[in-house]
C-alpha atoms as a PDB file:
ATOM      1  CA  MET A   1      14.447 -19.826  17.146  1.00  0.00           C
ATOM      2  CA  ASN A   2      12.301 -18.049  19.701  1.00  0.00           C
ATOM      3  CA  SER A   3       8.751 -19.170  20.420  1.00  0.00           C
ATOM      4  CA  PRO A   4       7.042 -20.384  17.246  1.00  0.00           C
ATOM      5  CA  LYS A   5       3.965 -18.250  18.098  1.00  0.00           C
ATOM      6  CA  LYS A   6       3.461 -14.466  17.951  1.00  0.00           C
ATOM      7  CA  ASN A   7       0.248 -12.466  18.333  1.00  0.00           C
ATOM      8  CA  ILE A   8      -0.450  -9.465  16.128  1.00  0.00           C
ATOM      9  CA  SER A   9      -1.308  -7.343  19.180  1.00  0.00           C
ATOM     10  CA  ASP A  10       2.208  -7.897  20.621  1.00  0.00           C
ATOM     11  CA  ILE A  11       4.041  -6.788  17.475  1.00  0.00           C
ATOM     12  CA  PRO A  12       4.879  -3.067  17.332  1.00  0.00           C
ATOM     13  CA  SER A  13       3.536  -1.134  14.384  1.00  0.00           C
ATOM     14  CA  GLU A  14       5.799   0.838  12.056  1.00  0.00           C
ATOM     15  CA  LEU A  15       5.208   3.594   9.552  1.00  0.00           C
ATOM     16  CA  ASN A  16       6.854   3.307   6.159  1.00  0.00           C
ATOM     17  CA  HIS A  17       6.556   4.627   2.592  1.00  0.00           C
ATOM     18  CA  LYS A  18       6.868   8.274   3.659  1.00  0.00           C
ATOM     19  CA  ASP A  19       4.642   7.679   6.702  1.00  0.00           C
ATOM     20  CA  THR A  20       1.652   6.593   4.612  1.00  0.00           C
ATOM     21  CA  THR A  21       1.503   2.885   5.458  1.00  0.00           C
ATOM     22  CA  HIS A  22       1.232   1.192   8.828  1.00  0.00           C
ATOM     23  CA  ARG A  23       2.587  -2.343   9.129  1.00  0.00           C
ATOM     24  CA  LYS A  24       3.405  -5.067  11.614  1.00  0.00           C
ATOM     25  CA  ARG A  25       6.201  -7.379  10.518  1.00  0.00           C
ATOM     26  CA  LEU A  26       5.238 -11.019  10.973  1.00  0.00           C
ATOM     27  CA  ILE A  27       8.528 -12.209   9.495  1.00  0.00           C
ATOM     28  CA  ARG A  28      11.658 -10.093   9.840  1.00  0.00           C
ATOM     29  CA  VAL A  29      14.881 -10.299   7.812  1.00  0.00           C
ATOM     30  CA  ASP A  30      16.929 -10.863  10.980  1.00  0.00           C
ATOM     31  CA  GLU A  31      14.987 -14.056  11.796  1.00  0.00           C
ATOM     32  CA  HIS A  32      16.977 -15.895   9.101  1.00  0.00           C
ATOM     33  CA  HIS A  33      14.190 -17.982   7.600  1.00  0.00           C
ATOM     34  CA  LYS A  34      15.217 -20.162   4.696  1.00  0.00           C
ATOM     35  CA  GLY A  35      13.589 -20.900   1.377  1.00  0.00           C
ATOM     36  CA  ASP A  36      11.423 -19.568  -1.410  1.00  0.00           C
ATOM     37  CA  ILE A  37       7.635 -19.334  -1.179  1.00  0.00           C
ATOM     38  CA  ALA A  38       6.088 -22.504  -2.586  1.00  0.00           C
ATOM     39  CA  THR A  39       2.430 -21.986  -1.639  1.00  0.00           C
ATOM     40  CA  MET A  40       0.146 -19.479   0.077  1.00  0.00           C
ATOM     41  CA  ASN A  41      -3.347 -20.592   1.060  1.00  0.00           C
ATOM     42  CA  TYR A  42      -6.514 -19.287   2.684  1.00  0.00           C
ATOM     43  CA  ALA A  43      -7.832 -22.308   4.560  1.00  0.00           C
ATOM     44  CA  TRP A  44     -10.221 -23.397   7.304  1.00  0.00           C
ATOM     45  CA  LEU A  45     -11.135 -26.339   9.486  1.00  0.00           C
ATOM     46  CA  GLU A  46     -14.761 -26.983  10.338  1.00  0.00           C
ATOM     47  CA  PRO A  47     -15.747 -27.433  14.014  1.00  0.00           C
ATOM     48  CA  GLY A  48     -14.203 -30.566  15.551  1.00  0.00           C
ATOM     49  CA  LYS A  49     -11.929 -31.280  12.561  1.00  0.00           C
ATOM     50  CA  GLN A  50      -8.168 -31.887  12.720  1.00  0.00           C
ATOM     51  CA  LEU A  51      -5.458 -31.612  10.075  1.00  0.00           C
ATOM     52  CA  ASP A  52      -3.462 -34.838   9.767  1.00  0.00           C
ATOM     53  CA  THR A  53      -0.092 -34.643  11.530  1.00  0.00           C
ATOM     54  CA  HIS A  54       2.658 -34.248   8.946  1.00  0.00           C
ATOM     55  CA  LEU A  55       6.014 -32.570   8.307  1.00  0.00           C
ATOM     56  CA  HIS A  56       7.848 -30.831   5.496  1.00  0.00           C
ATOM     57  CA  SER A  57      11.494 -31.811   5.135  1.00  0.00           C
ATOM     58  CA  ASP A  58      12.107 -29.241   2.380  1.00  0.00           C
ATOM     59  CA  GLY A  59      11.026 -25.966   3.999  1.00  0.00           C
ATOM     60  CA  GLU A  60       9.241 -23.991   6.690  1.00  0.00           C
ATOM     61  CA  GLU A  61       5.528 -23.281   7.013  1.00  0.00           C
ATOM     62  CA  PHE A  62       3.852 -20.225   8.517  1.00  0.00           C
ATOM     63  CA  TYR A  63       0.282 -19.996   9.830  1.00  0.00           C
ATOM     64  CA  TYR A  64      -1.664 -16.782  10.491  1.00  0.00           C
ATOM     65  CA  PHE A  65      -5.003 -17.295  12.248  1.00  0.00           C
ATOM     66  CA  LEU A  66      -7.882 -15.041  11.176  1.00  0.00           C
ATOM     67  CA  GLU A  67     -11.003 -16.447  12.852  1.00  0.00           C
ATOM     68  CA  GLY A  68     -11.974 -19.070  15.401  1.00  0.00           C
ATOM     69  CA  PHE A  69     -10.133 -20.927  18.130  1.00  0.00           C
ATOM     70  CA  GLY A  70      -8.040 -24.059  18.156  1.00  0.00           C
ATOM     71  CA  THR A  71      -4.692 -25.618  18.912  1.00  0.00           C
ATOM     72  CA  ILE A  72      -1.639 -26.171  16.735  1.00  0.00           C
ATOM     73  CA  LEU A  73       0.928 -28.926  17.217  1.00  0.00           C
ATOM     74  CA  VAL A  74       4.554 -27.846  16.713  1.00  0.00           C
ATOM     75  CA  GLY A  75       6.935 -30.735  17.358  1.00  0.00           C
ATOM     76  CA  ASP A  76       5.499 -32.318  20.501  1.00  0.00           C
ATOM     77  CA  ALA A  77       3.752 -29.233  21.965  1.00  0.00           C
ATOM     78  CA  TRP A  78       0.096 -28.277  21.445  1.00  0.00           C
ATOM     79  CA  ILE A  79      -0.254 -24.470  21.495  1.00  0.00           C
ATOM     80  CA  PRO A  80      -3.625 -22.663  21.738  1.00  0.00           C
ATOM     81  CA  VAL A  81      -4.328 -20.270  18.847  1.00  0.00           C
ATOM     82  CA  THR A  82      -6.738 -17.366  18.460  1.00  0.00           C
ATOM     83  CA  PRO A  83      -7.263 -14.672  15.805  1.00  0.00           C
ATOM     84  CA  GLY A  84      -4.078 -12.662  15.282  1.00  0.00           C
ATOM     85  CA  ASP A  85      -1.693 -15.485  16.194  1.00  0.00           C
ATOM     86  CA  PHE A  86       1.198 -16.198  13.822  1.00  0.00           C
ATOM     87  CA  VAL A  87       2.990 -19.557  14.152  1.00  0.00           C
ATOM     88  CA  THR A  88       6.253 -20.669  12.526  1.00  0.00           C
ATOM     89  CA  ILE A  89       6.731 -24.379  11.775  1.00  0.00           C
ATOM     90  CA  PRO A  90      10.454 -25.170  11.456  1.00  0.00           C
ATOM     91  CA  VAL A  91      11.790 -27.456   8.731  1.00  0.00           C
ATOM     92  CA  GLY A  92      11.124 -31.086   9.668  1.00  0.00           C
ATOM     93  CA  ALA A  93       8.796 -30.340  12.610  1.00  0.00           C
ATOM     94  CA  HIS A  94       5.680 -32.485  12.919  1.00  0.00           C
ATOM     95  CA  HIS A  95       2.578 -30.303  12.976  1.00  0.00           C
ATOM     96  CA  SER A  96      -1.196 -30.450  13.016  1.00  0.00           C
ATOM     97  CA  ILE A  97      -4.131 -28.147  13.772  1.00  0.00           C
ATOM     98  CA  LYS A  98      -7.355 -28.858  15.703  1.00  0.00           C
ATOM     99  CA  ASN A  99     -10.484 -26.733  15.608  1.00  0.00           C
ATOM    100  CA  THR A 100     -11.737 -26.639  19.218  1.00  0.00           C
ATOM    101  CA  ALA A 101     -14.635 -24.202  18.662  1.00  0.00           C
ATOM    102  CA  GLN A 102     -18.149 -24.287  17.250  1.00  0.00           C
ATOM    103  CA  LYS A 103     -17.307 -22.181  14.184  1.00  0.00           C
ATOM    104  CA  ASN A 104     -14.704 -22.489  11.439  1.00  0.00           C
ATOM    105  CA  LEU A 105     -11.018 -21.988  12.303  1.00  0.00           C
ATOM    106  CA  VAL A 106      -9.799 -19.772   9.441  1.00  0.00           C
ATOM    107  CA  PHE A 107      -6.113 -19.229   8.660  1.00  0.00           C
ATOM    108  CA  LEU A 108      -3.534 -18.368   6.015  1.00  0.00           C
ATOM    109  CA  THR A 109      -0.606 -20.679   5.293  1.00  0.00           C
ATOM    110  CA  ILE A 110       2.656 -19.872   3.562  1.00  0.00           C
ATOM    111  CA  ARG A 111       5.016 -22.765   2.834  1.00  0.00           C
ATOM    112  CA  THR A 112       8.587 -22.446   1.643  1.00  0.00           C
ATOM    113  CA  VAL A 113      10.964 -24.779  -0.129  1.00  0.00           C
ATOM    114  CA  ALA A 114      14.737 -24.656   0.258  1.00  0.00           C
ATOM    115  CA  SER A 115      16.439 -22.144  -2.014  1.00  0.00           C
ATOM    116  CA  PRO A 116      18.731 -23.657  -4.631  1.00  0.00           C
ATOM    117  CA  SER A 117      22.389 -23.456  -3.551  1.00  0.00           C
END
């Protein structure tokens, strides 16, 4: 897998549906992600708060940051995040999030579970 982080401003836009809809693909078919969507959440951390470090052995998790500033742990690396960043957490990777700003860190999460074989 490439870097677990993308920023919306670095992703090229596309026109589809007879040139009526603009989009930026956060997840592409050729990235070969595994699993079915288990949950999708709108979430936030208050200033100074941190999500407990944990992992998911049954699927990936995706984070899209909407507001605020912080850092996200992926494996053993802390990565700074700002609005527009999209981060992929691989299956089994330890992860956490810290809010390093004075306002809420707001994000969406999508978690998958392995598809039945």
